[in-house]
Amino acid sequence: MKRLPYIDEHAITVNASRDDTWSALLNVLCRDSRDPTTVPIGFVLHEARPPVRFALKGRHPFAIYRLVFELAQDRAQRTHVRALTWADFPGVHGKAYRALVIGTGAHRVVVRGMLKRIAAKAVCATEADYTDVFEAPVSPDDERSAEQALRDAVGNKPGTGGSVIVWIHRHVLGLRLGPYSSPDHIIGWAIESSDHDQVVLTADGPLMRGRLTLRRHDGQPATLTTRVHYRHDIAAGAVWTVVGPLHRAVAPRLLERTGAPLERFGSPAS
């Protein structure tokens, strides 16, 4: 794409990590958050470099344009999101279109609205009633994606332990689960987003909703983050008080499985 005239820049600061903000960005901008190419009509994906840069481009008879989102994290673990626009409006009809889109402020309203929705989703994902994070090493030669590592760890079918965990998720926590393993699910939890370094799973129910994030990046230790949001504080809190200790025993074991060959542990989720 040729070099385009600069139009404007808008920014927002999000009280969430860059990884969580990136997931929120994909949820807002993509029809399928697991597929960055499913961008809004009128755009095509130009670049997706998680969790740093997301660039869109497009053209029609009246305009050629590019919209870029840049994410930077500060020491307070907040994320600064910038939305930058470049565009050219050729010809008489292009000038009229520019006056309609840019001159009226419509473009500014739309972009700021996108940023506000991204911030709201990211903050909602991080403001949990319960949060824990576990860490485990990853073999330097392990080049699997986060999703594949998690699938390898739990297997396509649950072992005895896995069946018990699924039963607790469904009948004690009250989560609505899908198939144990499918293109859209892992251990029954829906895949909200997935790229090479990170996979995010969600499950919802009348008592609570949960969010699991597995992150593996640049040879650093893998992290598994669990967030639980209560829908009914007293009832959900009481249930999680009972289930929480089991979760804290199982989650590190699951994370360890994602960082090592499956045969080291025997049958999946046993």
Protein backbone atom coordinates (compact mmCIF):
# COMPACT_ATOMS: atom_id res chain seq x y z
CA MET A 1 0.00 0.00 0.00
CA LYS A 2 1.33 3.45 -0.92
CA ARG A 3 2.21 5.96 1.77
CA LEU A 4 -1.00 7.64 2.88
CA PRO A 5 -1.62 11.07 4.45
CA TYR A 6 -1.88 11.05 8.24
CA ILE A 7 -5.40 11.75 9.54
CA ASP A 8 -5.47 11.49 13.33
CA GLU A 9 -4.64 9.57 16.50
CA HIS A 10 -6.80 8.62 19.48
CA ALA A 11 -5.67 6.89 22.66
CA ILE A 12 -6.94 5.34 25.86
CA THR A 13 -5.28 3.91 28.98
CA VAL A 14 -6.62 0.54 30.11
CA ASN A 15 -6.27 -0.81 33.64
CA ALA A 16 -5.36 -4.26 32.37
CA SER A 17 -2.31 -6.08 31.09
CA ARG A 18 -1.32 -5.90 27.46
CA ASP A 19 -2.22 -9.57 26.94
CA ASP A 20 -5.72 -9.06 28.34
CA THR A 21 -6.14 -5.88 26.33
CA TRP A 22 -5.05 -7.69 23.17
CA SER A 23 -7.70 -10.37 23.79
CA ALA A 24 -10.29 -7.64 24.31
CA LEU A 25 -9.20 -5.93 21.08
CA LEU A 26 -9.74 -9.15 19.11
CA ASN A 27 -13.15 -9.58 20.74
CA VAL A 28 -14.20 -6.09 19.70
CA LEU A 29 -12.71 -5.94 16.21
CA CYS A 30 -13.08 -9.51 14.94
CA ARG A 31 -16.19 -11.51 14.21
CA ASP A 32 -14.29 -14.56 15.49
CA SER A 33 -11.78 -13.57 18.17
CA ARG A 34 -9.71 -16.68 17.39
CA ASP A 35 -9.23 -15.58 13.78
CA PRO A 36 -7.68 -12.11 13.37
CA THR A 37 -8.61 -12.11 9.67
CA THR A 38 -12.33 -11.78 10.49
CA VAL A 39 -12.12 -7.99 10.67
CA PRO A 40 -15.03 -5.58 10.01
CA ILE A 41 -16.49 -5.30 6.52
CA GLY A 42 -14.53 -2.78 4.48
CA PHE A 43 -11.20 -3.79 6.01
CA VAL A 44 -8.69 -6.59 5.55
CA LEU A 45 -6.03 -7.63 8.02
CA HIS A 46 -2.67 -5.99 7.24
CA GLU A 47 -0.70 -7.08 10.32
CA ALA A 48 -1.37 -8.90 13.60
CA ARG A 49 1.62 -8.92 15.94
CA PRO A 50 0.33 -9.92 19.39
CA PRO A 51 0.20 -8.28 21.79
CA VAL A 52 1.76 -5.16 20.24
CA ARG A 53 0.23 -4.15 16.92
CA PHE A 54 -2.99 -4.77 14.97
CA ALA A 55 -3.22 -3.10 11.56
CA LEU A 56 -6.13 -2.95 9.12
CA LYS A 57 -6.31 -1.57 5.60
CA GLY A 58 -8.96 -1.10 2.96
CA ARG A 59 -10.09 0.76 -0.10
CA HIS A 60 -13.17 1.64 -2.12
CA PRO A 61 -13.81 4.06 -4.99
CA PHE A 62 -13.71 7.12 -2.72
CA ALA A 63 -10.90 6.30 -0.25
CA ILE A 64 -7.79 4.29 0.54
CA TYR A 65 -7.22 3.90 4.27
CA ARG A 66 -5.28 2.23 7.08
CA LEU A 67 -6.19 1.91 10.79
CA VAL A 68 -3.50 0.75 13.23
CA PHE A 69 -3.83 -0.14 16.92
CA GLU A 70 -0.63 -0.09 19.01
CA LEU A 71 -0.44 -1.45 22.56
CA ALA A 72 2.23 -0.52 25.11
CA GLN A 73 2.36 -1.61 28.75
CA ASP A 74 3.76 0.57 31.54
CA ARG A 75 5.35 -0.41 34.85
CA ALA A 76 1.97 -0.29 36.58
CA GLN A 77 0.75 -3.07 34.24
CA ARG A 78 -1.62 -0.66 32.51
CA THR A 79 -1.92 -0.71 28.74
CA HIS A 80 -1.86 2.36 26.54
CA VAL A 81 -3.76 1.79 23.30
CA ARG A 82 -3.28 4.14 20.34
CA ALA A 83 -5.46 4.11 17.23
CA LEU A 84 -3.81 5.82 14.25
CA THR A 85 -5.47 6.51 10.93
CA TRP A 86 -4.00 7.28 7.50
CA ALA A 87 -6.18 7.83 4.43
CA ASP A 88 -6.32 9.29 0.95
CA PHE A 89 -9.49 10.55 -0.71
CA PRO A 90 -8.85 10.85 -4.47
CA GLY A 91 -10.94 12.93 -6.82
CA VAL A 92 -13.96 15.14 -6.35
CA HIS A 93 -16.06 12.35 -4.90
CA GLY A 94 -13.24 11.50 -2.50
CA LYS A 95 -13.13 15.06 -1.19
CA ALA A 96 -16.88 14.96 -0.61
CA TYR A 97 -16.55 11.62 1.18
CA ARG A 98 -13.74 13.03 3.35
CA ALA A 99 -15.94 15.92 4.39
CA LEU A 100 -18.70 13.46 5.30
CA VAL A 101 -16.53 11.02 7.28
CA ILE A 102 -13.74 13.19 8.71
CA GLY A 103 -15.19 16.68 8.58
CA THR A 104 -18.35 15.79 10.50
CA GLY A 105 -16.42 14.01 13.25
CA ALA A 106 -18.03 10.65 12.48
CA HIS A 107 -14.66 8.91 12.18
CA ARG A 108 -13.55 10.29 15.55
CA VAL A 109 -16.73 9.03 17.23
CA VAL A 110 -16.37 5.53 15.74
CA VAL A 111 -12.70 5.11 16.67
CA ARG A 112 -13.17 6.43 20.20
CA GLY A 113 -16.12 4.08 20.57
CA MET A 114 -13.89 1.15 19.56
CA LEU A 115 -11.28 2.14 22.15
CA LYS A 116 -13.88 2.44 24.90
CA ARG A 117 -15.30 -1.01 24.10
CA ILE A 118 -11.80 -2.52 24.13
CA ALA A 119 -11.08 -0.94 27.50
CA ALA A 120 -14.40 -2.08 28.97
CA LYS A 121 -13.89 -5.68 27.87
CA ALA A 122 -10.31 -5.78 29.13
CA VAL A 123 -11.21 -4.38 32.55
CA CYS A 124 -14.21 -6.71 32.84
CA ALA A 125 -11.91 -9.66 32.18
CA THR A 126 -9.45 -8.63 34.90
CA GLU A 127 -11.75 -7.41 37.67
CA ALA A 128 -12.47 -10.85 39.10
CA ASP A 129 -13.71 -12.00 42.50
CA TYR A 130 -10.96 -14.61 42.53
CA THR A 131 -7.64 -14.65 40.64
CA ASP A 132 -4.59 -16.87 40.78
CA VAL A 133 -1.50 -17.28 38.59
CA PHE A 134 0.80 -20.29 38.39
CA GLU A 135 4.12 -20.49 36.57
CA ALA A 136 6.13 -23.40 35.13
CA PRO A 137 9.17 -23.75 32.86
CA VAL A 138 8.92 -24.55 29.16
CA SER A 139 11.50 -26.57 27.26
CA PRO A 140 13.56 -24.24 24.99
CA ASP A 141 12.91 -26.47 21.96
CA ASP A 142 9.14 -26.64 22.54
CA GLU A 143 7.66 -24.69 19.63
CA ARG A 144 4.03 -25.72 20.10
CA SER A 145 1.34 -23.07 20.24
CA ALA A 146 -0.31 -22.42 23.60
CA GLU A 147 -3.50 -24.07 22.38
CA GLN A 148 -1.72 -27.20 21.17
CA ALA A 149 0.27 -27.50 24.40
CA LEU A 150 -2.94 -27.33 26.41
CA ARG A 151 -4.68 -29.86 24.16
CA ASP A 152 -1.73 -32.22 24.50
CA ALA A 153 -1.86 -31.82 28.28
CA VAL A 154 -5.54 -32.71 28.69
CA GLY A 155 -5.91 -35.16 25.78
CA ASN A 156 -8.88 -35.66 23.46
CA LYS A 157 -10.75 -37.73 26.05
CA PRO A 158 -10.74 -37.32 29.83
CA GLY A 159 -9.02 -39.82 32.07
CA THR A 160 -10.48 -40.65 35.47
CA GLY A 161 -9.25 -37.41 37.02
CA GLY A 162 -10.37 -35.39 34.03
CA SER A 163 -13.89 -36.85 34.24
CA VAL A 164 -14.10 -35.87 37.89
CA ILE A 165 -12.95 -32.33 37.10
CA VAL A 166 -15.50 -31.95 34.31
CA TRP A 167 -18.22 -33.29 36.63
CA ILE A 168 -17.29 -30.71 39.28
CA HIS A 169 -17.25 -27.91 36.72
CA ARG A 170 -20.66 -28.88 35.43
CA HIS A 171 -22.53 -30.02 38.56
CA VAL A 172 -20.86 -28.14 41.42
CA LEU A 173 -19.75 -24.88 39.80
CA GLY A 174 -22.76 -25.01 37.47
CA LEU A 175 -20.78 -24.12 34.34
CA ARG A 176 -22.34 -24.77 30.95
CA LEU A 177 -19.76 -26.80 29.05
CA GLY A 178 -19.41 -27.88 25.44
CA PRO A 179 -17.74 -31.05 24.16
CA TYR A 180 -14.65 -32.11 26.10
CA SER A 181 -12.53 -31.57 22.97
CA SER A 182 -13.54 -29.88 19.72
CA PRO A 183 -12.16 -27.15 17.45
CA ASP A 184 -14.01 -24.66 19.67
CA HIS A 185 -13.53 -26.24 23.12
CA ILE A 186 -10.88 -27.59 25.49
CA ILE A 187 -12.08 -29.56 28.58
CA GLY A 188 -15.53 -28.27 27.67
CA TRP A 189 -14.53 -24.61 27.99
CA ALA A 190 -15.08 -22.40 24.95
CA ILE A 191 -12.02 -20.96 23.22
CA GLU A 192 -12.43 -17.19 23.36
CA SER A 193 -9.15 -16.40 21.59
CA SER A 194 -6.07 -18.27 20.47
CA ASP A 195 -2.77 -17.29 18.90
CA HIS A 196 0.64 -18.90 19.04
CA ASP A 197 1.57 -17.48 22.46
CA GLN A 198 -1.75 -17.45 24.27
CA VAL A 199 -5.06 -19.28 24.51
CA VAL A 200 -8.03 -18.00 26.50
CA LEU A 201 -10.89 -20.27 27.61
CA THR A 202 -14.20 -19.18 29.10
CA ALA A 203 -17.13 -20.93 30.76
CA ASP A 204 -20.33 -19.43 32.11
CA GLY A 205 -23.09 -20.49 34.44
CA PRO A 206 -25.83 -19.14 36.74
CA LEU A 207 -23.49 -18.92 39.75
CA MET A 208 -20.25 -17.71 38.18
CA ARG A 209 -18.20 -17.41 35.03
CA GLY A 210 -14.58 -18.42 34.63
CA ARG A 211 -11.68 -17.46 32.41
CA LEU A 212 -8.46 -19.48 31.96
CA THR A 213 -5.47 -17.97 30.18
CA LEU A 214 -2.41 -19.99 29.21
CA ARG A 215 0.52 -17.84 28.12
CA ARG A 216 3.79 -19.16 26.61
CA HIS A 217 6.09 -16.51 25.16
CA ASP A 218 9.70 -16.21 23.95
CA GLY A 219 11.21 -18.95 26.08
CA GLN A 220 9.83 -17.44 29.29
CA PRO A 221 8.08 -19.59 31.91
CA ALA A 222 4.51 -20.45 31.01
CA THR A 223 1.75 -18.91 33.11
CA LEU A 224 -1.76 -20.16 33.78
CA THR A 225 -4.13 -17.47 35.07
CA THR A 226 -7.56 -18.27 36.48
CA ARG A 227 -10.20 -15.62 37.02
CA VAL A 228 -13.60 -16.31 38.55
CA HIS A 229 -16.42 -13.76 38.46
CA TYR A 230 -19.31 -14.33 40.87
CA ARG A 231 -22.87 -13.78 39.68
CA HIS A 232 -24.28 -14.36 43.16
CA ASP A 233 -21.74 -13.31 45.76
CA ILE A 234 -22.82 -15.42 48.73
CA ALA A 235 -23.71 -18.65 46.91
CA ALA A 236 -20.81 -18.51 44.44
CA GLY A 237 -18.36 -17.55 47.18
CA ALA A 238 -19.47 -20.50 49.31
CA VAL A 239 -19.10 -22.95 46.43
CA TRP A 240 -15.69 -21.61 45.45
CA THR A 241 -14.49 -21.84 49.05
CA VAL A 242 -14.99 -25.60 48.74
CA VAL A 243 -13.75 -26.04 45.16
CA GLY A 244 -10.90 -23.50 45.28
CA PRO A 245 -8.40 -25.71 47.16
CA LEU A 246 -8.93 -28.50 44.59
CA HIS A 247 -8.38 -26.03 41.78
CA ARG A 248 -5.15 -24.80 43.37
CA ALA A 249 -3.92 -28.40 43.55
CA VAL A 250 -4.88 -29.30 39.97
CA ALA A 251 -3.95 -26.10 38.08
CA PRO A 252 -0.16 -26.28 38.70
CA ARG A 253 -0.18 -29.93 37.64
CA LEU A 254 -2.04 -29.04 34.44
CA LEU A 255 0.39 -26.22 33.73
CA GLU A 256 3.34 -28.56 34.24
CA ARG A 257 1.86 -30.90 31.65
CA THR A 258 1.73 -28.13 29.06
CA GLY A 259 5.48 -27.63 29.29
CA ALA A 260 6.68 -31.20 28.91
CA PRO A 261 6.08 -34.24 26.66
CA LEU A 262 2.81 -36.00 27.39
CA GLU A 263 4.44 -39.42 27.83
CA ARG A 264 6.27 -38.11 30.90
CA PHE A 265 2.96 -38.05 32.78
CA GLY A 266 1.06 -41.04 31.44
CA SER A 267 -2.62 -40.81 30.51
CA PRO A 268 -4.23 -37.36 29.99
CA ALA A 269 -5.85 -35.65 32.97
CA SER A 270 -5.24 -38.69 35.16
